[in-house]
């Protein structure tokens, strides 16, 4: 593959293959414009400021250039046996998902919009398989992915971004996403002492989001809101908070209800 052909979508697909093969759900990839940071899991350091091409080469060493764990070989030179089995179970690459597939699962928007969602908003595939003689890695999706998008994503808001009618900043205003400094009983954060600690979070729909998997209702007796901001405070490292804000543009608040902490 030529360097010029490496896109963000291809890099994400290869990253998913890595996490599946090595069973490292804690691995992550973060994009900063044309650069990416890679964390490959327990015991590894963060590789920062990689170009798309360099990040691809790092992941390639663990995936394409190594035998895929659990692989069952190829059917001629066209696709892997696992890819064929995925087709037989009804899974499809993104390019083969049709408007009929989408409509049958409650997604009543154009196919191009669904593809845009997948490429731009980190919609995870169901499986990843090698296809073609060049060992290209292809993402496969099933109807559960479509239903997830319908259930969990703010489609009316995202389609306006897709059409160029809204910027991300405007979408954040529509969602009424703000930032807050709070005082929290540490037991709500997994501690045991009962001490009070200060924390920064994203504030939306009367819920305080300290992470994507830890949130507290604003009226919880174990939390006190000290200040509310339209943008992250200057003294705060804002990267994680801004990622959370982007997630709240993408997702409905109801997606996070299972992560609500209660003060007993």
C-alpha atoms as a PDB file:
ATOM      1  CA  UNK A   1       0.000   0.000   0.000  1.00  0.00           C
ATOM      2  CA  UNK A   2       1.330   3.395  -0.919  1.00  0.00           C
ATOM      3  CA  UNK A   3       1.570   5.998   1.815  1.00  0.00           C
ATOM      4  CA  UNK A   4      -0.798   8.301  -0.042  1.00  0.00           C
ATOM      5  CA  UNK A   5      -3.511   5.634   0.166  1.00  0.00           C
ATOM      6  CA  UNK A   6      -3.507   5.432   3.948  1.00  0.00           C
ATOM      7  CA  UNK A   7      -6.592   7.155   5.316  1.00  0.00           C
ATOM      8  CA  UNK A   8      -7.945   7.561   8.824  1.00  0.00           C
ATOM      9  CA  UNK A   9     -10.613   4.941   8.073  1.00  0.00           C
ATOM     10  CA  UNK A  10      -8.032   2.333   6.978  1.00  0.00           C
ATOM     11  CA  UNK A  11      -5.940   3.032  10.047  1.00  0.00           C
ATOM     12  CA  UNK A  12      -8.977   2.603  12.316  1.00  0.00           C
ATOM     13  CA  UNK A  13      -9.873  -0.679  10.618  1.00  0.00           C
ATOM     14  CA  UNK A  14      -6.345  -2.004  11.150  1.00  0.00           C
ATOM     15  CA  UNK A  15      -6.435  -0.852  14.784  1.00  0.00           C
ATOM     16  CA  UNK A  16      -9.664  -2.805  15.382  1.00  0.00           C
ATOM     17  CA  UNK A  17      -8.035  -5.885  13.899  1.00  0.00           C
ATOM     18  CA  UNK A  18      -5.126  -5.473  16.319  1.00  0.00           C
ATOM     19  CA  UNK A  19      -7.424  -5.202  19.376  1.00  0.00           C
ATOM     20  CA  UNK A  20      -9.408  -8.272  18.268  1.00  0.00           C
ATOM     21  CA  UNK A  21      -6.363 -10.442  17.570  1.00  0.00           C
ATOM     22  CA  UNK A  22      -4.513  -9.583  20.770  1.00  0.00           C
ATOM     23  CA  UNK A  23      -7.614  -9.109  22.965  1.00  0.00           C
ATOM     24  CA  UNK A  24      -6.552  -5.699  24.214  1.00  0.00           C
ATOM     25  CA  UNK A  25      -9.708  -3.614  24.709  1.00  0.00           C
ATOM     26  CA  UNK A  26      -7.731  -0.990  26.632  1.00  0.00           C
ATOM     27  CA  UNK A  27      -5.683  -0.129  23.537  1.00  0.00           C
ATOM     28  CA  UNK A  28      -6.590   3.185  21.982  1.00  0.00           C
ATOM     29  CA  UNK A  29      -5.850   5.439  19.042  1.00  0.00           C
ATOM     30  CA  UNK A  30      -6.250   9.219  19.210  1.00  0.00           C
ATOM     31  CA  UNK A  31      -6.130  11.534  16.215  1.00  0.00           C
ATOM     32  CA  UNK A  32      -4.738  15.071  16.128  1.00  0.00           C
ATOM     33  CA  UNK A  33      -5.290  16.385  12.632  1.00  0.00           C
ATOM     34  CA  UNK A  34      -2.934  14.419  10.368  1.00  0.00           C
ATOM     35  CA  UNK A  35      -1.175  12.749  13.320  1.00  0.00           C
ATOM     36  CA  UNK A  36      -2.082   9.927  15.685  1.00  0.00           C
ATOM     37  CA  UNK A  37      -1.124   8.663  19.145  1.00  0.00           C
ATOM     38  CA  UNK A  38      -1.101   4.886  19.713  1.00  0.00           C
ATOM     39  CA  UNK A  39      -1.394   3.008  22.990  1.00  0.00           C
ATOM     40  CA  UNK A  40      -1.210  -0.720  22.299  1.00  0.00           C
ATOM     41  CA  UNK A  41      -2.207  -2.004  25.718  1.00  0.00           C
ATOM     42  CA  UNK A  42      -0.793  -3.152  29.039  1.00  0.00           C
ATOM     43  CA  UNK A  43       2.959  -2.774  29.408  1.00  0.00           C
ATOM     44  CA  UNK A  44       3.426  -0.506  26.384  1.00  0.00           C
ATOM     45  CA  UNK A  45       4.109   3.202  26.200  1.00  0.00           C
ATOM     46  CA  UNK A  46       2.117   5.743  24.211  1.00  0.00           C
ATOM     47  CA  UNK A  47       3.542   6.385  20.738  1.00  0.00           C
ATOM     48  CA  UNK A  48       2.843  10.049  20.147  1.00  0.00           C
ATOM     49  CA  UNK A  49       2.794  12.255  17.070  1.00  0.00           C
ATOM     50  CA  UNK A  50       2.901   9.468  14.499  1.00  0.00           C
ATOM     51  CA  UNK A  51       1.978  10.187  10.917  1.00  0.00           C
ATOM     52  CA  UNK A  52      -0.854   8.076   9.490  1.00  0.00           C
ATOM     53  CA  UNK A  53       1.751   6.100   7.548  1.00  0.00           C
ATOM     54  CA  UNK A  54       3.966   5.450  10.594  1.00  0.00           C
ATOM     55  CA  UNK A  55       0.992   4.418  12.737  1.00  0.00           C
ATOM     56  CA  UNK A  56      -0.117   2.050   9.995  1.00  0.00           C
ATOM     57  CA  UNK A  57       3.348   0.478   9.814  1.00  0.00           C
ATOM     58  CA  UNK A  58       3.417  -0.057  13.600  1.00  0.00           C
ATOM     59  CA  UNK A  59       0.057  -1.842  13.562  1.00  0.00           C
ATOM     60  CA  UNK A  60       0.969  -3.730  10.399  1.00  0.00           C
ATOM     61  CA  UNK A  61       3.804  -5.498  12.230  1.00  0.00           C
ATOM     62  CA  UNK A  62       1.274  -7.022  14.609  1.00  0.00           C
ATOM     63  CA  UNK A  63      -1.483  -7.847  12.140  1.00  0.00           C
ATOM     64  CA  UNK A  64      -0.911  -8.079   8.393  1.00  0.00           C
ATOM     65  CA  UNK A  65       2.718  -9.187   8.721  1.00  0.00           C
ATOM     66  CA  UNK A  66       1.885 -11.830  11.336  1.00  0.00           C
ATOM     67  CA  UNK A  67      -0.361 -14.842  11.085  1.00  0.00           C
ATOM     68  CA  UNK A  68      -3.796 -13.941  12.379  1.00  0.00           C
ATOM     69  CA  UNK A  69      -4.554 -15.897  15.529  1.00  0.00           C
ATOM     70  CA  UNK A  70      -7.371 -18.337  14.918  1.00  0.00           C
ATOM     71  CA  UNK A  71      -7.253 -17.888  11.157  1.00  0.00           C
ATOM     72  CA  UNK A  72      -8.485 -20.749   9.006  1.00  0.00           C
ATOM     73  CA  UNK A  73      -6.699 -20.039   5.749  1.00  0.00           C
ATOM     74  CA  UNK A  74      -7.820 -18.679   2.371  1.00  0.00           C
ATOM     75  CA  UNK A  75     -10.292 -19.662  -0.305  1.00  0.00           C
ATOM     76  CA  UNK A  76      -8.096 -19.406  -3.373  1.00  0.00           C
ATOM     77  CA  UNK A  77      -6.803 -15.851  -3.489  1.00  0.00           C
ATOM     78  CA  UNK A  78     -10.126 -14.099  -3.081  1.00  0.00           C
ATOM     79  CA  UNK A  79     -10.853 -14.089   0.660  1.00  0.00           C
ATOM     80  CA  UNK A  80     -10.196 -15.856   3.935  1.00  0.00           C
ATOM     81  CA  UNK A  81     -12.387 -18.715   5.085  1.00  0.00           C
ATOM     82  CA  UNK A  82     -13.424 -16.600   8.068  1.00  0.00           C
ATOM     83  CA  UNK A  83     -14.556 -13.827   5.718  1.00  0.00           C
ATOM     84  CA  UNK A  84     -16.662 -16.327   3.754  1.00  0.00           C
ATOM     85  CA  UNK A  85     -18.234 -17.570   6.976  1.00  0.00           C
ATOM     86  CA  UNK A  86     -18.996 -13.975   7.974  1.00  0.00           C
ATOM     87  CA  UNK A  87     -20.861 -13.480   4.688  1.00  0.00           C
ATOM     88  CA  UNK A  88     -22.789 -16.692   5.303  1.00  0.00           C
ATOM     89  CA  UNK A  89     -23.889 -15.395   8.710  1.00  0.00           C
ATOM     90  CA  UNK A  90     -25.244 -12.224   7.128  1.00  0.00           C
ATOM     91  CA  UNK A  91     -22.366  -9.881   7.898  1.00  0.00           C
ATOM     92  CA  UNK A  92     -21.328  -7.427   5.188  1.00  0.00           C
ATOM     93  CA  UNK A  93     -18.581  -4.922   4.436  1.00  0.00           C
ATOM     94  CA  UNK A  94     -19.733  -1.322   4.605  1.00  0.00           C
ATOM     95  CA  UNK A  95     -19.821  -1.055   0.809  1.00  0.00           C
ATOM     96  CA  UNK A  96     -22.431  -3.816   0.610  1.00  0.00           C
ATOM     97  CA  UNK A  97     -24.883  -2.381   3.116  1.00  0.00           C
ATOM     98  CA  UNK A  98     -27.943  -1.134   1.204  1.00  0.00           C
ATOM     99  CA  UNK A  99     -30.836   1.206   1.916  1.00  0.00           C
ATOM    100  CA  UNK A 100     -33.009  -1.895   2.347  1.00  0.00           C
ATOM    101  CA  UNK A 101     -30.711  -3.141   5.131  1.00  0.00           C
ATOM    102  CA  UNK A 102     -30.885   0.253   6.797  1.00  0.00           C
ATOM    103  CA  UNK A 103     -34.656   0.712   6.475  1.00  0.00           C
ATOM    104  CA  UNK A 104     -35.367  -2.769   7.837  1.00  0.00           C
ATOM    105  CA  UNK A 105     -33.515  -1.770  10.989  1.00  0.00           C
ATOM    106  CA  UNK A 106     -35.051   1.674  11.497  1.00  0.00           C
ATOM    107  CA  UNK A 107     -32.405   3.856   9.839  1.00  0.00           C
ATOM    108  CA  UNK A 108     -34.274   6.130   7.411  1.00  0.00           C
ATOM    109  CA  UNK A 109     -31.402   8.233   6.122  1.00  0.00           C
ATOM    110  CA  UNK A 110     -29.206   7.895   3.002  1.00  0.00           C
ATOM    111  CA  UNK A 111     -26.658   5.097   2.758  1.00  0.00           C
ATOM    112  CA  UNK A 112     -23.925   7.714   2.296  1.00  0.00           C
ATOM    113  CA  UNK A 113     -24.815   9.224   5.654  1.00  0.00           C
ATOM    114  CA  UNK A 114     -24.459   5.814   7.345  1.00  0.00           C
ATOM    115  CA  UNK A 115     -21.041   5.341   5.748  1.00  0.00           C
ATOM    116  CA  UNK A 116     -20.041   8.812   6.879  1.00  0.00           C
ATOM    117  CA  UNK A 117     -21.101   7.955  10.436  1.00  0.00           C
ATOM    118  CA  UNK A 118     -19.028   4.788  10.435  1.00  0.00           C
ATOM    119  CA  UNK A 119     -15.906   6.479   9.069  1.00  0.00           C
ATOM    120  CA  UNK A 120     -16.093   9.680  11.100  1.00  0.00           C
ATOM    121  CA  UNK A 121     -17.681   8.714  14.410  1.00  0.00           C
ATOM    122  CA  UNK A 122     -15.884   5.524  15.410  1.00  0.00           C
ATOM    123  CA  UNK A 123     -18.764   3.094  14.818  1.00  0.00           C
ATOM    124  CA  UNK A 124     -17.159  -0.255  15.535  1.00  0.00           C
ATOM    125  CA  UNK A 125     -17.586  -3.202  13.169  1.00  0.00           C
ATOM    126  CA  UNK A 126     -18.834  -6.573  14.325  1.00  0.00           C
ATOM    127  CA  UNK A 127     -15.800  -8.455  12.976  1.00  0.00           C
ATOM    128  CA  UNK A 128     -12.627  -7.906  10.953  1.00  0.00           C
ATOM    129  CA  UNK A 129     -11.361 -10.340   8.290  1.00  0.00           C
ATOM    130  CA  UNK A 130      -8.647 -10.581   5.668  1.00  0.00           C
ATOM    131  CA  UNK A 131      -9.865 -10.289   2.095  1.00  0.00           C
ATOM    132  CA  UNK A 132      -8.062 -10.346  -1.266  1.00  0.00           C
ATOM    133  CA  UNK A 133      -4.650 -11.695  -2.225  1.00  0.00           C
ATOM    134  CA  UNK A 134      -3.049  -8.565  -0.764  1.00  0.00           C
ATOM    135  CA  UNK A 135      -4.361  -9.518   2.720  1.00  0.00           C
ATOM    136  CA  UNK A 136      -6.462  -6.380   2.948  1.00  0.00           C
ATOM    137  CA  UNK A 137      -8.328  -6.176   6.240  1.00  0.00           C
ATOM    138  CA  UNK A 138     -12.051  -5.545   5.836  1.00  0.00           C
ATOM    139  CA  UNK A 139     -14.575  -4.517   8.477  1.00  0.00           C
ATOM    140  CA  UNK A 140     -17.814  -6.537   8.555  1.00  0.00           C
ATOM    141  CA  UNK A 141     -21.078  -5.206   9.979  1.00  0.00           C
ATOM    142  CA  UNK A 142     -24.378  -6.821  10.878  1.00  0.00           C
ATOM    143  CA  UNK A 143     -27.853  -5.499  11.621  1.00  0.00           C
ATOM    144  CA  UNK A 144     -27.024  -5.030  15.316  1.00  0.00           C
ATOM    145  CA  UNK A 145     -24.615  -2.233  14.324  1.00  0.00           C
ATOM    146  CA  UNK A 146     -27.395  -0.449  12.443  1.00  0.00           C
ATOM    147  CA  UNK A 147     -29.777  -0.842  15.381  1.00  0.00           C
ATOM    148  CA  UNK A 148     -27.097   0.472  17.750  1.00  0.00           C
ATOM    149  CA  UNK A 149     -26.758   3.631  15.658  1.00  0.00           C
ATOM    150  CA  UNK A 150     -30.542   4.133  15.622  1.00  0.00           C
ATOM    151  CA  UNK A 151     -30.881   3.575  19.369  1.00  0.00           C
ATOM    152  CA  UNK A 152     -27.832   5.406  20.661  1.00  0.00           C
ATOM    153  CA  UNK A 153     -26.847   8.170  18.206  1.00  0.00           C
ATOM    154  CA  UNK A 154     -28.215  11.701  17.856  1.00  0.00           C
ATOM    155  CA  UNK A 155     -29.027  11.162  14.191  1.00  0.00           C
ATOM    156  CA  UNK A 156     -30.979  14.378  13.639  1.00  0.00           C
ATOM    157  CA  UNK A 157     -28.041  16.390  14.931  1.00  0.00           C
ATOM    158  CA  UNK A 158     -25.386  14.345  13.127  1.00  0.00           C
ATOM    159  CA  UNK A 159     -27.145  14.507   9.775  1.00  0.00           C
ATOM    160  CA  UNK A 160     -27.032  18.318   9.967  1.00  0.00           C
ATOM    161  CA  UNK A 161     -23.263  18.115  10.556  1.00  0.00           C
ATOM    162  CA  UNK A 162     -22.989  15.671   7.639  1.00  0.00           C
ATOM    163  CA  UNK A 163     -24.846  18.102   5.360  1.00  0.00           C
ATOM    164  CA  UNK A 164     -22.598  20.975   6.418  1.00  0.00           C
ATOM    165  CA  UNK A 165     -25.477  22.863   8.037  1.00  0.00           C
ATOM    166  CA  UNK A 166     -23.946  22.719  11.526  1.00  0.00           C
ATOM    167  CA  UNK A 167     -20.417  23.015  12.853  1.00  0.00           C
ATOM    168  CA  UNK A 168     -19.256  20.985  15.840  1.00  0.00           C
ATOM    169  CA  UNK A 169     -19.321  24.155  17.960  1.00  0.00           C
ATOM    170  CA  UNK A 170     -22.932  24.810  16.977  1.00  0.00           C
ATOM    171  CA  UNK A 171     -23.880  21.195  17.672  1.00  0.00           C
ATOM    172  CA  UNK A 172     -22.342  21.514  21.148  1.00  0.00           C
ATOM    173  CA  UNK A 173     -24.482  24.575  21.797  1.00  0.00           C
ATOM    174  CA  UNK A 174     -27.623  22.758  20.656  1.00  0.00           C
ATOM    175  CA  UNK A 175     -26.817  19.886  23.017  1.00  0.00           C
ATOM    176  CA  UNK A 176     -26.183  22.496  25.752  1.00  0.00           C
ATOM    177  CA  UNK A 177     -22.839  20.900  26.567  1.00  0.00           C
ATOM    178  CA  UNK A 178     -20.844  22.766  29.198  1.00  0.00           C
ATOM    179  CA  UNK A 179     -17.943  22.040  31.540  1.00  0.00           C
ATOM    180  CA  UNK A 180     -17.922  22.070  35.328  1.00  0.00           C
ATOM    181  CA  UNK A 181     -15.621  21.970  38.319  1.00  0.00           C
ATOM    182  CA  UNK A 182     -17.156  19.860  41.068  1.00  0.00           C
ATOM    183  CA  UNK A 183     -16.517  18.591  44.572  1.00  0.00           C
ATOM    184  CA  UNK A 184     -17.257  14.861  44.879  1.00  0.00           C
ATOM    185  CA  UNK A 185     -17.341  12.261  47.666  1.00  0.00           C
ATOM    186  CA  UNK A 186     -14.573   9.899  46.630  1.00  0.00           C
ATOM    187  CA  UNK A 187     -16.822   6.841  47.108  1.00  0.00           C
ATOM    188  CA  UNK A 188     -18.652   7.925  43.979  1.00  0.00           C
ATOM    189  CA  UNK A 189     -15.321   7.617  42.173  1.00  0.00           C
ATOM    190  CA  UNK A 190     -14.482   4.174  43.537  1.00  0.00           C
ATOM    191  CA  UNK A 191     -12.669   5.348  46.695  1.00  0.00           C
ATOM    192  CA  UNK A 192     -13.339   4.155  50.247  1.00  0.00           C
ATOM    193  CA  UNK A 193     -12.280   6.989  52.539  1.00  0.00           C
ATOM    194  CA  UNK A 194     -15.322   9.208  52.192  1.00  0.00           C
ATOM    195  CA  UNK A 195     -13.065  12.207  51.586  1.00  0.00           C
ATOM    196  CA  UNK A 196     -14.099  14.993  49.244  1.00  0.00           C
ATOM    197  CA  UNK A 197     -12.082  15.575  46.063  1.00  0.00           C
ATOM    198  CA  UNK A 198     -12.268  18.168  43.298  1.00  0.00           C
ATOM    199  CA  UNK A 199     -12.759  17.085  39.689  1.00  0.00           C
ATOM    200  CA  UNK A 200     -13.431  18.540  36.252  1.00  0.00           C
ATOM    201  CA  UNK A 201     -16.162  17.142  34.058  1.00  0.00           C
ATOM    202  CA  UNK A 202     -18.542  17.671  31.151  1.00  0.00           C
ATOM    203  CA  UNK A 203     -22.036  18.883  32.084  1.00  0.00           C
ATOM    204  CA  UNK A 204     -25.002  17.928  29.895  1.00  0.00           C
ATOM    205  CA  UNK A 205     -28.681  17.111  30.504  1.00  0.00           C
ATOM    206  CA  UNK A 206     -28.210  17.593  34.268  1.00  0.00           C
ATOM    207  CA  UNK A 207     -25.583  14.862  34.338  1.00  0.00           C
ATOM    208  CA  UNK A 208     -21.898  15.299  35.204  1.00  0.00           C
ATOM    209  CA  UNK A 209     -19.640  13.170  32.997  1.00  0.00           C
ATOM    210  CA  UNK A 210     -16.261  12.497  34.621  1.00  0.00           C
ATOM    211  CA  UNK A 211     -15.440   9.897  31.978  1.00  0.00           C
ATOM    212  CA  UNK A 212     -17.285   7.920  29.320  1.00  0.00           C
ATOM    213  CA  UNK A 213     -17.990   5.251  31.946  1.00  0.00           C
ATOM    214  CA  UNK A 214     -18.484   7.344  35.061  1.00  0.00           C
ATOM    215  CA  UNK A 215     -21.241   9.899  35.444  1.00  0.00           C
ATOM    216  CA  UNK A 216     -23.263  11.385  38.287  1.00  0.00           C
ATOM    217  CA  UNK A 217     -26.591  13.184  38.343  1.00  0.00           C
ATOM    218  CA  UNK A 218     -26.131  16.871  39.172  1.00  0.00           C
ATOM    219  CA  UNK A 219     -28.630  16.610  42.051  1.00  0.00           C
ATOM    220  CA  UNK A 220     -26.767  13.700  43.679  1.00  0.00           C
ATOM    221  CA  UNK A 221     -26.165  14.496  47.352  1.00  0.00           C
ATOM    222  CA  UNK A 222     -22.559  13.328  47.038  1.00  0.00           C
ATOM    223  CA  UNK A 223     -21.586  16.041  44.571  1.00  0.00           C
ATOM    224  CA  UNK A 224     -21.424  19.843  44.648  1.00  0.00           C
ATOM    225  CA  UNK A 225     -21.055  21.965  41.514  1.00  0.00           C
ATOM    226  CA  UNK A 226     -18.511  24.728  42.146  1.00  0.00           C
ATOM    227  CA  UNK A 227     -18.349  26.430  38.729  1.00  0.00           C
ATOM    228  CA  UNK A 228     -19.790  25.971  35.238  1.00  0.00           C
ATOM    229  CA  UNK A 229     -17.931  27.012  32.049  1.00  0.00           C
ATOM    230  CA  UNK A 230     -18.766  27.252  28.367  1.00  0.00           C
ATOM    231  CA  UNK A 231     -15.241  25.969  27.540  1.00  0.00           C
ATOM    232  CA  UNK A 232     -12.765  23.913  29.598  1.00  0.00           C
ATOM    233  CA  UNK A 233     -10.884  26.077  32.122  1.00  0.00           C
ATOM    234  CA  UNK A 234      -7.498  27.183  30.807  1.00  0.00           C
ATOM    235  CA  UNK A 235      -5.588  25.443  33.585  1.00  0.00           C
ATOM    236  CA  UNK A 236      -7.189  22.086  32.778  1.00  0.00           C
ATOM    237  CA  UNK A 237      -5.790  19.547  30.316  1.00  0.00           C
ATOM    238  CA  UNK A 238      -8.814  19.617  28.055  1.00  0.00           C
ATOM    239  CA  UNK A 239      -8.188  16.696  25.677  1.00  0.00           C
ATOM    240  CA  UNK A 240     -10.260  14.095  27.527  1.00  0.00           C
ATOM    241  CA  UNK A 241     -13.038  16.568  28.296  1.00  0.00           C
ATOM    242  CA  UNK A 242     -13.295  17.587  24.645  1.00  0.00           C
ATOM    243  CA  UNK A 243     -13.437  13.908  23.605  1.00  0.00           C
ATOM    244  CA  UNK A 244     -16.300  13.450  26.066  1.00  0.00           C
ATOM    245  CA  UNK A 245     -18.066  16.479  24.622  1.00  0.00           C
ATOM    246  CA  UNK A 246     -17.716  15.017  21.123  1.00  0.00           C
ATOM    247  CA  UNK A 247     -19.151  11.718  22.390  1.00  0.00           C
ATOM    248  CA  UNK A 248     -22.175  13.586  23.725  1.00  0.00           C
ATOM    249  CA  UNK A 249     -22.713  15.175  20.330  1.00  0.00           C
ATOM    250  CA  UNK A 250     -22.662  11.677  18.857  1.00  0.00           C
ATOM    251  CA  UNK A 251     -24.580   9.784  21.542  1.00  0.00           C
ATOM    252  CA  UNK A 252     -27.899  10.233  23.268  1.00  0.00           C
ATOM    253  CA  UNK A 253     -27.572  10.770  27.004  1.00  0.00           C
ATOM    254  CA  UNK A 254     -29.548   7.580  27.644  1.00  0.00           C
ATOM    255  CA  UNK A 255     -26.562   5.547  26.412  1.00  0.00           C
ATOM    256  CA  UNK A 256     -24.718   6.474  29.604  1.00  0.00           C
ATOM    257  CA  UNK A 257     -27.454   5.706  32.155  1.00  0.00           C
ATOM    258  CA  UNK A 258     -25.866   2.338  32.952  1.00  0.00           C
ATOM    259  CA  UNK A 259     -22.753   4.199  34.136  1.00  0.00           C
ATOM    260  CA  UNK A 260     -24.549   6.455  36.617  1.00  0.00           C
ATOM    261  CA  UNK A 261     -23.049   6.279  40.110  1.00  0.00           C
ATOM    262  CA  UNK A 262     -25.410   6.442  43.063  1.00  0.00           C
ATOM    263  CA  UNK A 263     -24.666   7.780  46.498  1.00  0.00           C
ATOM    264  CA  UNK A 264     -25.987   5.407  49.150  1.00  0.00           C
END
